[in-house]
Amino acid sequence: MTNRETTAESTKELHESVTEGQAGKSSDSWIKNAALFFASPFIAIAYAMALPFVGFYQFTKLSHEARVRKQKVLAKKARKARKAKKAEKAKRVS
C-alpha cells in the first residue's frame, strides 16, 4: 500500500465520521446558532457595561489588601519599638 492510498483511505474515513456527526444534529442546533447570532450584540453590550464595575471592584480589592498588609507591617514595627523602649527602660532602672 502506497502513501497516497493510505492518505486517501484516512481522508475517506475522516469524511465519513464528519458526515455521521452532522447527520446526528437536529434542527435545534440551527435555531440555537441563529439565536446566539442575534443575541451576541446584546451580550457584548452587557459585558461592556459591566466592565467599569468589575474594574472598580478589582481596584478596591487591591487597595484594601495593600492597606491591610501595610497595617500589619506598621503594627510589627510598633511592637518592636515598644519592646526596645521597655528594654531601654529596664536597663536604666537596673
PDB file of N, CA and C in Angstrom:
ATOM      1  N   MET A   1       0.848  -1.170   0.000  1.00  0.00           N
ATOM      2  CA  MET A   1       0.000   0.000   0.000  1.00  0.00           C
ATOM      3  C   MET A   1       0.900   1.241   0.000  1.00  0.00           C
ATOM      4  N   THR A   2       0.605   2.131  -0.895  1.00  0.00           N
ATOM      5  CA  THR A   2       1.440   3.327  -1.005  1.00  0.00           C
ATOM      6  C   THR A   2       0.941   4.402  -0.038  1.00  0.00           C
ATOM      7  N   ASN A   3       1.742   5.412   0.088  1.00  0.00           N
ATOM      8  CA  ASN A   3       1.417   6.517   0.974  1.00  0.00           C
ATOM      9  C   ASN A   3       0.170   7.253   0.486  1.00  0.00           C
ATOM     10  N   ARG A   4       0.039   7.364  -0.822  1.00  0.00           N
ATOM     11  CA  ARG A   4      -1.111   8.055  -1.399  1.00  0.00           C
ATOM     12  C   ARG A   4      -2.405   7.296  -1.106  1.00  0.00           C
ATOM     13  N   GLU A   5      -2.375   5.986  -1.185  1.00  0.00           N
ATOM     14  CA  GLU A   5      -3.571   5.176  -0.897  1.00  0.00           C
ATOM     15  C   GLU A   5      -3.940   5.283   0.579  1.00  0.00           C
ATOM     16  N   THR A   6      -2.941   5.274   1.431  1.00  0.00           N
ATOM     17  CA  THR A   6      -3.187   5.403   2.869  1.00  0.00           C
ATOM     18  C   THR A   6      -3.824   6.750   3.181  1.00  0.00           C
ATOM     19  N   THR A   7      -3.320   7.804   2.551  1.00  0.00           N
ATOM     20  CA  THR A   7      -3.878   9.132   2.769  1.00  0.00           C
ATOM     21  C   THR A   7      -5.309   9.206   2.264  1.00  0.00           C
ATOM     22  N   ALA A   8      -5.558   8.606   1.129  1.00  0.00           N
ATOM     23  CA  ALA A   8      -6.916   8.618   0.566  1.00  0.00           C
ATOM     24  C   ALA A   8      -7.892   7.881   1.483  1.00  0.00           C
ATOM     25  N   GLU A   9      -7.447   6.759   2.030  1.00  0.00           N
ATOM     26  CA  GLU A   9      -8.320   5.998   2.934  1.00  0.00           C
ATOM     27  C   GLU A   9      -8.596   6.773   4.222  1.00  0.00           C
ATOM     28  N   SER A  10      -7.559   7.390   4.778  1.00  0.00           N
ATOM     29  CA  SER A  10      -7.761   8.136   6.018  1.00  0.00           C
ATOM     30  C   SER A  10      -8.655   9.353   5.776  1.00  0.00           C
ATOM     31  N   THR A  11      -8.527   9.986   4.608  1.00  0.00           N
ATOM     32  CA  THR A  11      -9.391  11.108   4.267  1.00  0.00           C
ATOM     33  C   THR A  11     -10.831  10.652   4.128  1.00  0.00           C
ATOM     34  N   LYS A  12     -11.022   9.502   3.510  1.00  0.00           N
ATOM     35  CA  LYS A  12     -12.374   8.949   3.334  1.00  0.00           C
ATOM     36  C   LYS A  12     -12.995   8.626   4.690  1.00  0.00           C
ATOM     37  N   GLU A  13     -12.205   8.020   5.586  1.00  0.00           N
ATOM     38  CA  GLU A  13     -12.711   7.701   6.923  1.00  0.00           C
ATOM     39  C   GLU A  13     -13.063   8.975   7.689  1.00  0.00           C
ATOM     40  N   LEU A  14     -12.229   9.995   7.567  1.00  0.00           N
ATOM     41  CA  LEU A  14     -12.495  11.257   8.234  1.00  0.00           C
ATOM     42  C   LEU A  14     -13.773  11.893   7.705  1.00  0.00           C
ATOM     43  N   HIS A  15     -13.959  11.853   6.397  1.00  0.00           N
ATOM     44  CA  HIS A  15     -15.163  12.424   5.794  1.00  0.00           C
ATOM     45  C   HIS A  15     -16.410  11.687   6.267  1.00  0.00           C
ATOM     46  N   GLU A  16     -16.330  10.368   6.351  1.00  0.00           N
ATOM     47  CA  GLU A  16     -17.479   9.578   6.827  1.00  0.00           C
ATOM     48  C   GLU A  16     -17.808   9.906   8.285  1.00  0.00           C
ATOM     49  N   SER A  17     -16.781  10.051   9.114  1.00  0.00           N
ATOM     50  CA  SER A  17     -17.039  10.347  10.534  1.00  0.00           C
ATOM     51  C   SER A  17     -17.646  11.740  10.700  1.00  0.00           C
ATOM     52  N   VAL A  18     -17.208  12.689   9.883  1.00  0.00           N
ATOM     53  CA  VAL A  18     -17.753  14.044   9.973  1.00  0.00           C
ATOM     54  C   VAL A  18     -19.194  14.071   9.512  1.00  0.00           C
ATOM     55  N   THR A  19     -19.487  13.382   8.403  1.00  0.00           N
ATOM     56  CA  THR A  19     -20.862  13.394   7.900  1.00  0.00           C
ATOM     57  C   THR A  19     -21.790  12.640   8.846  1.00  0.00           C
ATOM     58  N   GLU A  20     -21.294  11.611   9.508  1.00  0.00           N
ATOM     59  CA  GLU A  20     -22.121  10.923  10.507  1.00  0.00           C
ATOM     60  C   GLU A  20     -22.425  11.841  11.675  1.00  0.00           C
ATOM     61  N   GLY A  21     -21.445  12.627  12.090  1.00  0.00           N
ATOM     62  CA  GLY A  21     -21.641  13.570  13.177  1.00  0.00           C
ATOM     63  C   GLY A  21     -22.642  14.653  12.808  1.00  0.00           C
ATOM     64  N   GLN A  22     -22.617  15.095  11.555  1.00  0.00           N
ATOM     65  CA  GLN A  22     -23.553  16.123  11.115  1.00  0.00           C
ATOM     66  C   GLN A  22     -24.947  15.553  10.942  1.00  0.00           C
ATOM     67  N   ALA A  23     -25.043  14.287  10.571  1.00  0.00           N
ATOM     68  CA  ALA A  23     -26.359  13.685  10.383  1.00  0.00           C
ATOM     69  C   ALA A  23     -27.089  13.562  11.717  1.00  0.00           C
ATOM     70  N   GLY A  24     -26.342  13.436  12.817  1.00  0.00           N
ATOM     71  CA  GLY A  24     -26.954  13.304  14.130  1.00  0.00           C
ATOM     72  C   GLY A  24     -27.475  14.614  14.696  1.00  0.00           C
ATOM     73  N   LYS A  25     -27.099  15.746  14.091  1.00  0.00           N
ATOM     74  CA  LYS A  25     -27.540  17.045  14.600  1.00  0.00           C
ATOM     75  C   LYS A  25     -29.011  17.262  14.267  1.00  0.00           C
ATOM     76  N   SER A  26     -29.684  17.916  15.174  1.00  0.00           N
ATOM     77  CA  SER A  26     -31.090  18.211  14.938  1.00  0.00           C
ATOM     78  C   SER A  26     -31.239  19.645  14.462  1.00  0.00           C
ATOM     79  N   SER A  27     -32.436  20.025  14.146  1.00  0.00           N
ATOM     80  CA  SER A  27     -32.686  21.392  13.694  1.00  0.00           C
ATOM     81  C   SER A  27     -32.597  22.377  14.867  1.00  0.00           C
ATOM     82  N   ASP A  28     -32.574  21.843  16.085  1.00  0.00           N
ATOM     83  CA  ASP A  28     -32.449  22.713  17.259  1.00  0.00           C
ATOM     84  C   ASP A  28     -31.122  23.458  17.261  1.00  0.00           C
ATOM     85  N   SER A  29     -30.069  22.823  16.737  1.00  0.00           N
ATOM     86  CA  SER A  29     -28.764  23.485  16.733  1.00  0.00           C
ATOM     87  C   SER A  29     -28.792  24.701  15.807  1.00  0.00           C
ATOM     88  N   TRP A  30     -29.532  24.626  14.705  1.00  0.00           N
ATOM     89  CA  TRP A  30     -29.645  25.766  13.796  1.00  0.00           C
ATOM     90  C   TRP A  30     -30.360  26.915  14.495  1.00  0.00           C
ATOM     91  N   ILE A  31     -31.418  26.592  15.224  1.00  0.00           N
ATOM     92  CA  ILE A  31     -32.170  27.616  15.947  1.00  0.00           C
ATOM     93  C   ILE A  31     -31.301  28.232  17.042  1.00  0.00           C
ATOM     94  N   LYS A  32     -30.554  27.384  17.730  1.00  0.00           N
ATOM     95  CA  LYS A  32     -29.671  27.869  18.792  1.00  0.00           C
ATOM     96  C   LYS A  32     -28.608  28.801  18.219  1.00  0.00           C
ATOM     97  N   ASN A  33     -28.002  28.411  17.104  1.00  0.00           N
ATOM     98  CA  ASN A  33     -26.974  29.243  16.476  1.00  0.00           C
ATOM     99  C   ASN A  33     -27.545  30.581  16.019  1.00  0.00           C
ATOM    100  N   ALA A  34     -28.741  30.571  15.444  1.00  0.00           N
ATOM    101  CA  ALA A  34     -29.363  31.814  14.996  1.00  0.00           C
ATOM    102  C   ALA A  34     -29.676  32.720  16.189  1.00  0.00           C
ATOM    103  N   ALA A  35     -30.176  32.134  17.266  1.00  0.00           N
ATOM    104  CA  ALA A  35     -30.492  32.920  18.457  1.00  0.00           C
ATOM    105  C   ALA A  35     -29.225  33.545  19.050  1.00  0.00           C
ATOM    106  N   LEU A  36     -28.146  32.783  19.104  1.00  0.00           N
ATOM    107  CA  LEU A  36     -26.883  33.321  19.614  1.00  0.00           C
ATOM    108  C   LEU A  36     -26.329  34.413  18.699  1.00  0.00           C
ATOM    109  N   PHE A  37     -26.529  34.251  17.388  1.00  0.00           N
ATOM    110  CA  PHE A  37     -26.072  35.264  16.438  1.00  0.00           C
ATOM    111  C   PHE A  37     -26.780  36.589  16.691  1.00  0.00           C
ATOM    112  N   PHE A  38     -28.081  36.545  16.907  1.00  0.00           N
ATOM    113  CA  PHE A  38     -28.829  37.774  17.117  1.00  0.00           C
ATOM    114  C   PHE A  38     -28.666  38.325  18.542  1.00  0.00           C
ATOM    115  N   ALA A  39     -28.366  37.460  19.491  1.00  0.00           N
ATOM    116  CA  ALA A  39     -28.205  37.900  20.880  1.00  0.00           C
ATOM    117  C   ALA A  39     -26.795  38.408  21.171  1.00  0.00           C
ATOM    118  N   SER A  40     -25.829  38.084  20.335  1.00  0.00           N
ATOM    119  CA  SER A  40     -24.433  38.419  20.628  1.00  0.00           C
ATOM    120  C   SER A  40     -24.176  39.917  20.803  1.00  0.00           C
ATOM    121  N   PRO A  41     -24.788  40.823  20.037  1.00  0.00           N
ATOM    122  CA  PRO A  41     -24.536  42.248  20.306  1.00  0.00           C
ATOM    123  C   PRO A  41     -25.004  42.681  21.696  1.00  0.00           C
ATOM    124  N   PHE A  42     -26.110  42.132  22.143  1.00  0.00           N
ATOM    125  CA  PHE A  42     -26.626  42.491  23.465  1.00  0.00           C
ATOM    126  C   PHE A  42     -25.748  41.911  24.574  1.00  0.00           C
ATOM    127  N   ILE A  43     -25.219  40.735  24.343  1.00  0.00           N
ATOM    128  CA  ILE A  43     -24.288  40.130  25.304  1.00  0.00           C
ATOM    129  C   ILE A  43     -23.032  40.989  25.391  1.00  0.00           C
ATOM    130  N   ALA A  44     -22.540  41.458  24.238  1.00  0.00           N
ATOM    131  CA  ALA A  44     -21.343  42.305  24.222  1.00  0.00           C
ATOM    132  C   ALA A  44     -21.602  43.627  24.942  1.00  0.00           C
ATOM    133  N   ILE A  45     -22.781  44.209  24.749  1.00  0.00           N
ATOM    134  CA  ILE A  45     -23.111  45.463  25.440  1.00  0.00           C
ATOM    135  C   ILE A  45     -23.155  45.237  26.947  1.00  0.00           C
ATOM    136  N   ALA A  46     -23.699  44.099  27.364  1.00  0.00           N
ATOM    137  CA  ALA A  46     -23.753  43.795  28.801  1.00  0.00           C
ATOM    138  C   ALA A  46     -22.344  43.676  29.379  1.00  0.00           C
ATOM    139  N   TYR A  47     -21.443  43.017  28.647  1.00  0.00           N
ATOM    140  CA  TYR A  47     -20.062  42.919  29.106  1.00  0.00           C
ATOM    141  C   TYR A  47     -19.426  44.303  29.186  1.00  0.00           C
ATOM    142  N   ALA A  48     -19.651  45.130  28.178  1.00  0.00           N
ATOM    143  CA  ALA A  48     -19.064  46.475  28.166  1.00  0.00           C
ATOM    144  C   ALA A  48     -19.607  47.327  29.311  1.00  0.00           C
ATOM    145  N   MET A  49     -20.871  47.158  29.636  1.00  0.00           N
ATOM    146  CA  MET A  49     -21.454  47.923  30.735  1.00  0.00           C
ATOM    147  C   MET A  49     -20.938  47.436  32.088  1.00  0.00           C
ATOM    148  N   ALA A  50     -20.656  46.149  32.196  1.00  0.00           N
ATOM    149  CA  ALA A  50     -20.192  45.589  33.469  1.00  0.00           C
ATOM    150  C   ALA A  50     -18.709  45.840  33.708  1.00  0.00           C
ATOM    151  N   LEU A  51     -17.958  46.123  32.657  1.00  0.00           N
ATOM    152  CA  LEU A  51     -16.512  46.260  32.781  1.00  0.00           C
ATOM    153  C   LEU A  51     -16.073  47.325  33.785  1.00  0.00           C
ATOM    154  N   PRO A  52     -16.639  48.527  33.801  1.00  0.00           N
ATOM    155  CA  PRO A  52     -16.191  49.512  34.801  1.00  0.00           C
ATOM    156  C   PRO A  52     -16.451  49.069  36.241  1.00  0.00           C
ATOM    157  N   PHE A  53     -17.560  48.386  36.463  1.00  0.00           N
ATOM    158  CA  PHE A  53     -17.864  47.924  37.818  1.00  0.00           C
ATOM    159  C   PHE A  53     -16.893  46.841  38.261  1.00  0.00           C
ATOM    160  N   VAL A  54     -16.563  45.945  37.363  1.00  0.00           N
ATOM    161  CA  VAL A  54     -15.603  44.884  37.681  1.00  0.00           C
ATOM    162  C   VAL A  54     -14.224  45.499  37.941  1.00  0.00           C
ATOM    163  N   GLY A  55     -13.849  46.470  37.114  1.00  0.00           N
ATOM    164  CA  GLY A  55     -12.565  47.143  37.311  1.00  0.00           C
ATOM    165  C   GLY A  55     -12.512  47.886  38.630  1.00  0.00           C
ATOM    166  N   PHE A  56     -13.594  48.575  38.984  1.00  0.00           N
ATOM    167  CA  PHE A  56     -13.654  49.287  40.257  1.00  0.00           C
ATOM    168  C   PHE A  56     -13.544  48.307  41.425  1.00  0.00           C
ATOM    169  N   TYR A  57     -14.225  47.169  41.311  1.00  0.00           N
ATOM    170  CA  TYR A  57     -14.153  46.148  42.364  1.00  0.00           C
ATOM    171  C   TYR A  57     -12.723  45.641  42.521  1.00  0.00           C
ATOM    172  N   GLN A  58     -12.061  45.351  41.407  1.00  0.00           N
ATOM    173  CA  GLN A  58     -10.696  44.838  41.472  1.00  0.00           C
ATOM    174  C   GLN A  58      -9.743  45.879  42.077  1.00  0.00           C
ATOM    175  N   PHE A  59      -9.915  47.140  41.684  1.00  0.00           N
ATOM    176  CA  PHE A  59      -9.080  48.205  42.233  1.00  0.00           C
ATOM    177  C   PHE A  59      -9.302  48.352  43.733  1.00  0.00           C
ATOM    178  N   THR A  60     -10.561  48.306  44.163  1.00  0.00           N
ATOM    179  CA  THR A  60     -10.885  48.426  45.583  1.00  0.00           C
ATOM    180  C   THR A  60     -10.308  47.248  46.370  1.00  0.00           C
ATOM    181  N   LYS A  61     -10.428  46.069  45.825  1.00  0.00           N
ATOM    182  CA  LYS A  61      -9.900  44.871  46.482  1.00  0.00           C
ATOM    183  C   LYS A  61      -8.378  44.958  46.621  1.00  0.00           C
ATOM    184  N   LEU A  62      -7.710  45.405  45.564  1.00  0.00           N
ATOM    185  CA  LEU A  62      -6.260  45.541  45.599  1.00  0.00           C
ATOM    186  C   LEU A  62      -5.816  46.572  46.631  1.00  0.00           C
ATOM    187  N   SER A  63      -6.502  47.704  46.665  1.00  0.00           N
ATOM    188  CA  SER A  63      -6.123  48.744  47.634  1.00  0.00           C
ATOM    189  C   SER A  63      -6.394  48.287  49.064  1.00  0.00           C
ATOM    190  N   HIS A  64      -7.464  47.542  49.286  1.00  0.00           N
ATOM    191  CA  HIS A  64      -7.758  47.017  50.628  1.00  0.00           C
ATOM    192  C   HIS A  64      -6.667  46.045  51.069  1.00  0.00           C
ATOM    193  N   GLU A  65      -6.259  45.150  50.157  1.00  0.00           N
ATOM    194  CA  GLU A  65      -5.206  44.189  50.505  1.00  0.00           C
ATOM    195  C   GLU A  65      -3.900  44.911  50.825  1.00  0.00           C
ATOM    196  N   ALA A  66      -3.584  45.964  50.063  1.00  0.00           N
ATOM    197  CA  ALA A  66      -2.353  46.725  50.318  1.00  0.00           C
ATOM    198  C   ALA A  66      -2.435  47.437  51.662  1.00  0.00           C
ATOM    199  N   ARG A  67      -3.604  47.992  51.993  1.00  0.00           N
ATOM    200  CA  ARG A  67      -3.765  48.692  53.265  1.00  0.00           C
ATOM    201  C   ARG A  67      -3.621  47.719  54.433  1.00  0.00           C
ATOM    202  N   VAL A  68      -4.218  46.541  54.318  1.00  0.00           N
ATOM    203  CA  VAL A  68      -4.109  45.538  55.388  1.00  0.00           C
ATOM    204  C   VAL A  68      -2.661  45.110  55.565  1.00  0.00           C
ATOM    205  N   ARG A  69      -1.953  44.900  54.446  1.00  0.00           N
ATOM    206  CA  ARG A  69      -0.553  44.497  54.515  1.00  0.00           C
ATOM    207  C   ARG A  69       0.299  45.587  55.169  1.00  0.00           C
ATOM    208  N   LYS A  70       0.023  46.835  54.822  1.00  0.00           N
ATOM    209  CA  LYS A  70       0.781  47.948  55.399  1.00  0.00           C
ATOM    210  C   LYS A  70       0.508  48.067  56.888  1.00  0.00           C
ATOM    211  N   GLN A  71      -0.753  47.864  57.301  1.00  0.00           N
ATOM    212  CA  GLN A  71      -1.086  47.939  58.725  1.00  0.00           C
ATOM    213  C   GLN A  71      -0.369  46.857  59.510  1.00  0.00           C
ATOM    214  N   LYS A  72      -0.247  45.672  58.917  1.00  0.00           N
ATOM    215  CA  LYS A  72       0.470  44.589  59.599  1.00  0.00           C
ATOM    216  C   LYS A  72       1.932  44.950  59.790  1.00  0.00           C
ATOM    217  N   VAL A  73       2.533  45.522  58.755  1.00  0.00           N
ATOM    218  CA  VAL A  73       3.945  45.911  58.845  1.00  0.00           C
ATOM    219  C   VAL A  73       4.124  47.005  59.894  1.00  0.00           C
ATOM    220  N   LEU A  74       3.253  47.999  59.887  1.00  0.00           N
ATOM    221  CA  LEU A  74       3.353  49.085  60.870  1.00  0.00           C
ATOM    222  C   LEU A  74       3.142  48.576  62.288  1.00  0.00           C
ATOM    223  N   ALA A  75       2.207  47.643  62.471  1.00  0.00           N
ATOM    224  CA  ALA A  75       1.970  47.085  63.800  1.00  0.00           C
ATOM    225  C   ALA A  75       3.200  46.320  64.283  1.00  0.00           C
ATOM    226  N   LYS A  76       3.840  45.605  63.367  1.00  0.00           N
ATOM    227  CA  LYS A  76       5.037  44.854  63.737  1.00  0.00           C
ATOM    228  C   LYS A  76       6.163  45.804  64.143  1.00  0.00           C
ATOM    229  N   LYS A  77       6.324  46.909  63.400  1.00  0.00           N
ATOM    230  CA  LYS A  77       7.344  47.902  63.752  1.00  0.00           C
ATOM    231  C   LYS A  77       7.033  48.544  65.099  1.00  0.00           C
ATOM    232  N   ALA A  78       5.765  48.818  65.361  1.00  0.00           N
ATOM    233  CA  ALA A  78       5.372  49.436  66.629  1.00  0.00           C
ATOM    234  C   ALA A  78       5.670  48.496  67.797  1.00  0.00           C
ATOM    235  N   ARG A  79       5.399  47.201  67.614  1.00  0.00           N
ATOM    236  CA  ARG A  79       5.698  46.227  68.673  1.00  0.00           C
ATOM    237  C   ARG A  79       7.192  46.188  68.954  1.00  0.00           C
ATOM    238  N   LYS A  80       8.008  46.195  67.886  1.00  0.00           N
ATOM    239  CA  LYS A  80       9.461  46.191  68.069  1.00  0.00           C
ATOM    240  C   LYS A  80       9.918  47.440  68.803  1.00  0.00           C
ATOM    241  N   ALA A  81       9.327  48.581  68.444  1.00  0.00           N
ATOM    242  CA  ALA A  81       9.710  49.836  69.085  1.00  0.00           C
ATOM    243  C   ALA A  81       9.343  49.821  70.566  1.00  0.00           C
ATOM    244  N   ARG A  82       8.137  49.315  70.897  1.00  0.00           N
ATOM    245  CA  ARG A  82       7.724  49.228  72.306  1.00  0.00           C
ATOM    246  C   ARG A  82       8.632  48.284  73.075  1.00  0.00           C
ATOM    247  N   LYS A  83       8.993  47.176  72.442  1.00  0.00           N
ATOM    248  CA  LYS A  83       9.861  46.204  73.090  1.00  0.00           C
ATOM    249  C   LYS A  83      11.240  46.826  73.343  1.00  0.00           C
ATOM    250  N   ALA A  84      11.745  47.557  72.362  1.00  0.00           N
ATOM    251  CA  ALA A  84      13.058  48.205  72.526  1.00  0.00           C
ATOM    252  C   ALA A  84      12.993  49.277  73.601  1.00  0.00           C
ATOM    253  N   LYS A  85      11.879  49.989  73.651  1.00  0.00           N
ATOM    254  CA  LYS A  85      11.714  51.029  74.668  1.00  0.00           C
ATOM    255  C   LYS A  85      11.659  50.412  76.068  1.00  0.00           C
ATOM    256  N   LYS A  86      10.947  49.280  76.196  1.00  0.00           N
ATOM    257  CA  LYS A  86      10.877  48.589  77.505  1.00  0.00           C
ATOM    258  C   LYS A  86      12.258  48.114  77.919  1.00  0.00           C
ATOM    259  N   ALA A  87      12.998  47.558  76.939  1.00  0.00           N
ATOM    260  CA  ALA A  87      14.351  47.047  77.253  1.00  0.00           C
ATOM    261  C   ALA A  87      15.258  48.187  77.671  1.00  0.00           C
ATOM    262  N   GLU A  88      15.152  49.339  77.018  1.00  0.00           N
ATOM    263  CA  GLU A  88      15.968  50.509  77.383  1.00  0.00           C
ATOM    264  C   GLU A  88      15.596  51.023  78.764  1.00  0.00           C
ATOM    265  N   LYS A  89      14.319  51.009  79.055  1.00  0.00           N
ATOM    266  CA  LYS A  89      13.840  51.459  80.370  1.00  0.00           C
ATOM    267  C   LYS A  89      14.327  50.528  81.455  1.00  0.00           C
ATOM    268  N   ALA A  90      14.315  49.222  81.161  1.00  0.00           N
ATOM    269  CA  ALA A  90      14.782  48.235  82.138  1.00  0.00           C
ATOM    270  C   ALA A  90      16.283  48.395  82.401  1.00  0.00           C
ATOM    271  N   LYS A  91      17.042  48.766  81.360  1.00  0.00           N
ATOM    272  CA  LYS A  91      18.488  48.985  81.559  1.00  0.00           C
ATOM    273  C   LYS A  91      18.738  50.189  82.447  1.00  0.00           C
ATOM    274  N   ARG A  92      17.943  51.241  82.279  1.00  0.00           N
ATOM    275  CA  ARG A  92      18.113  52.454  83.097  1.00  0.00           C
ATOM    276  C   ARG A  92      17.806  52.186  84.558  1.00  0.00           C
ATOM    277  N   VAL A  93      16.773  51.390  84.806  1.00  0.00           N
ATOM    278  CA  VAL A  93      16.365  51.082  86.165  1.00  0.00           C
ATOM    279  C   VAL A  93      17.414  50.215  86.858  1.00  0.00           C
ATOM    280  N   SER A  94      18.026  49.303  86.114  1.00  0.00           N
ATOM    281  CA  SER A  94      19.000  48.384  86.723  1.00  0.00           C
ATOM    282  C   SER A  94      20.278  49.001  87.063  1.00  0.00           C
TER     283      SER A  94
END
